[in-house]
Amino acid sequence: MAQGTVSSYDPVSGAGIILDDSGSDVPLAEDALEGSLFRMLRQGQRVNYDRIEIEGKALATRVRFGQDGR
């Protein structure tokens, strides 16, 4: 499980970027919010997520509430 902060999110397209705690940008996978309590994300929100690799590119999936439980 990785942790980071939402850098950007477009609720219309579902595209977004999480700034990983290590400092790298991780785009959201297409299904990143499926099964999540989130229906949308807001900039600056802390999240936990699973980091996967597809064709050599890191993506964030299974986005969940951040480490502080909010």
C-alpha atoms as a PDB file:
ATOM      1  CA  MET A   1       0.000   0.000   0.000  1.00  0.00           C
ATOM      2  CA  ALA A   2       1.275   3.437  -0.946  1.00  0.00           C
ATOM      3  CA  GLN A   3       0.311   6.830   0.442  1.00  0.00           C
ATOM      4  CA  GLY A   4       0.087  10.238  -1.142  1.00  0.00           C
ATOM      5  CA  THR A   5      -1.855  13.435  -1.761  1.00  0.00           C
ATOM      6  CA  VAL A   6      -4.266  14.118  -4.605  1.00  0.00           C
ATOM      7  CA  SER A   7      -2.543  16.575  -6.929  1.00  0.00           C
ATOM      8  CA  SER A   8      -5.379  16.868  -9.444  1.00  0.00           C
ATOM      9  CA  TYR A   9      -8.656  15.149 -10.324  1.00  0.00           C
ATOM     10  CA  ASP A  10     -11.223  15.650 -13.096  1.00  0.00           C
ATOM     11  CA  PRO A  11     -14.587  14.173 -11.999  1.00  0.00           C
ATOM     12  CA  VAL A  12     -15.906  14.189 -15.572  1.00  0.00           C
ATOM     13  CA  SER A  13     -13.153  12.057 -17.092  1.00  0.00           C
ATOM     14  CA  GLY A  14     -11.976  10.351 -13.890  1.00  0.00           C
ATOM     15  CA  ALA A  15      -8.392  11.310 -14.716  1.00  0.00           C
ATOM     16  CA  GLY A  16      -6.172  12.363 -11.858  1.00  0.00           C
ATOM     17  CA  ILE A  17      -2.722  12.375 -10.356  1.00  0.00           C
ATOM     18  CA  ILE A  18      -1.544  11.440  -6.877  1.00  0.00           C
ATOM     19  CA  LEU A  19       1.695  12.896  -5.555  1.00  0.00           C
ATOM     20  CA  ASP A  20       3.300   9.906  -3.864  1.00  0.00           C
ATOM     21  CA  ASP A  21       4.980  10.481  -0.506  1.00  0.00           C
ATOM     22  CA  SER A  22       8.271   9.704  -2.255  1.00  0.00           C
ATOM     23  CA  GLY A  23       7.691  12.745  -4.502  1.00  0.00           C
ATOM     24  CA  SER A  24       6.664  11.069  -7.753  1.00  0.00           C
ATOM     25  CA  ASP A  25       3.439  11.689  -9.694  1.00  0.00           C
ATOM     26  CA  VAL A  26       1.262   8.598 -10.090  1.00  0.00           C
ATOM     27  CA  PRO A  27      -1.693   8.794 -12.515  1.00  0.00           C
ATOM     28  CA  LEU A  28      -4.964   7.146 -11.531  1.00  0.00           C
ATOM     29  CA  ALA A  29      -5.849   3.867 -13.233  1.00  0.00           C
ATOM     30  CA  GLU A  30      -9.213   3.867 -15.035  1.00  0.00           C
ATOM     31  CA  ASP A  31     -10.787   1.751 -12.265  1.00  0.00           C
ATOM     32  CA  ALA A  32      -9.059   3.553  -9.374  1.00  0.00           C
ATOM     33  CA  LEU A  33     -12.299   4.448  -7.547  1.00  0.00           C
ATOM     34  CA  GLU A  34     -14.251   1.238  -8.244  1.00  0.00           C
ATOM     35  CA  GLY A  35     -15.366  -0.302  -4.951  1.00  0.00           C
ATOM     36  CA  SER A  36     -14.135   2.765  -3.067  1.00  0.00           C
ATOM     37  CA  LEU A  37     -16.112   4.960  -0.695  1.00  0.00           C
ATOM     38  CA  PHE A  38     -14.870   7.858  -2.822  1.00  0.00           C
ATOM     39  CA  ARG A  39     -17.018   9.084  -5.692  1.00  0.00           C
ATOM     40  CA  MET A  40     -14.648  11.936  -6.371  1.00  0.00           C
ATOM     41  CA  LEU A  41     -11.369  13.269  -5.033  1.00  0.00           C
ATOM     42  CA  ARG A  42     -10.314  16.764  -4.074  1.00  0.00           C
ATOM     43  CA  GLN A  43      -6.925  18.407  -4.408  1.00  0.00           C
ATOM     44  CA  GLY A  44      -4.821  18.052  -1.261  1.00  0.00           C
ATOM     45  CA  GLN A  45      -6.744  15.010   0.022  1.00  0.00           C
ATOM     46  CA  ARG A  46      -4.605  12.288   1.657  1.00  0.00           C
ATOM     47  CA  VAL A  47      -5.157   8.813   0.256  1.00  0.00           C
ATOM     48  CA  ASN A  48      -3.863   5.268   0.440  1.00  0.00           C
ATOM     49  CA  TYR A  49      -3.716   3.293  -2.788  1.00  0.00           C
ATOM     50  CA  ASP A  50      -2.213   0.277  -4.476  1.00  0.00           C
ATOM     51  CA  ARG A  51       0.511   0.983  -6.983  1.00  0.00           C
ATOM     52  CA  ILE A  52       0.530  -1.207 -10.088  1.00  0.00           C
ATOM     53  CA  GLU A  53       2.744  -1.307 -13.164  1.00  0.00           C
ATOM     54  CA  ILE A  54       1.218  -1.577 -16.638  1.00  0.00           C
ATOM     55  CA  GLU A  55       3.581  -1.562 -19.609  1.00  0.00           C
ATOM     56  CA  GLY A  56       6.306  -0.053 -17.430  1.00  0.00           C
ATOM     57  CA  LYS A  57       4.107   2.798 -16.184  1.00  0.00           C
ATOM     58  CA  ALA A  58       3.084   3.178 -12.528  1.00  0.00           C
ATOM     59  CA  LEU A  59      -0.642   3.678 -11.867  1.00  0.00           C
ATOM     60  CA  ALA A  60      -2.694   4.189  -8.703  1.00  0.00           C
ATOM     61  CA  THR A  61      -5.629   1.833  -8.105  1.00  0.00           C
ATOM     62  CA  ARG A  62      -7.930   0.865  -5.194  1.00  0.00           C
ATOM     63  CA  VAL A  63      -7.862   4.389  -3.727  1.00  0.00           C
ATOM     64  CA  ARG A  64      -8.870   4.493  -0.039  1.00  0.00           C
ATOM     65  CA  PHE A  65      -9.045   7.010   2.801  1.00  0.00           C
ATOM     66  CA  GLY A  66      -5.677   8.421   3.828  1.00  0.00           C
ATOM     67  CA  GLN A  67      -3.486   7.361   6.695  1.00  0.00           C
ATOM     68  CA  ASP A  68      -5.179   9.596   9.239  1.00  0.00           C
ATOM     69  CA  GLY A  69      -8.527   7.838   8.671  1.00  0.00           C
ATOM     70  CA  ARG A  70     -10.334  10.825   7.166  1.00  0.00           C
END
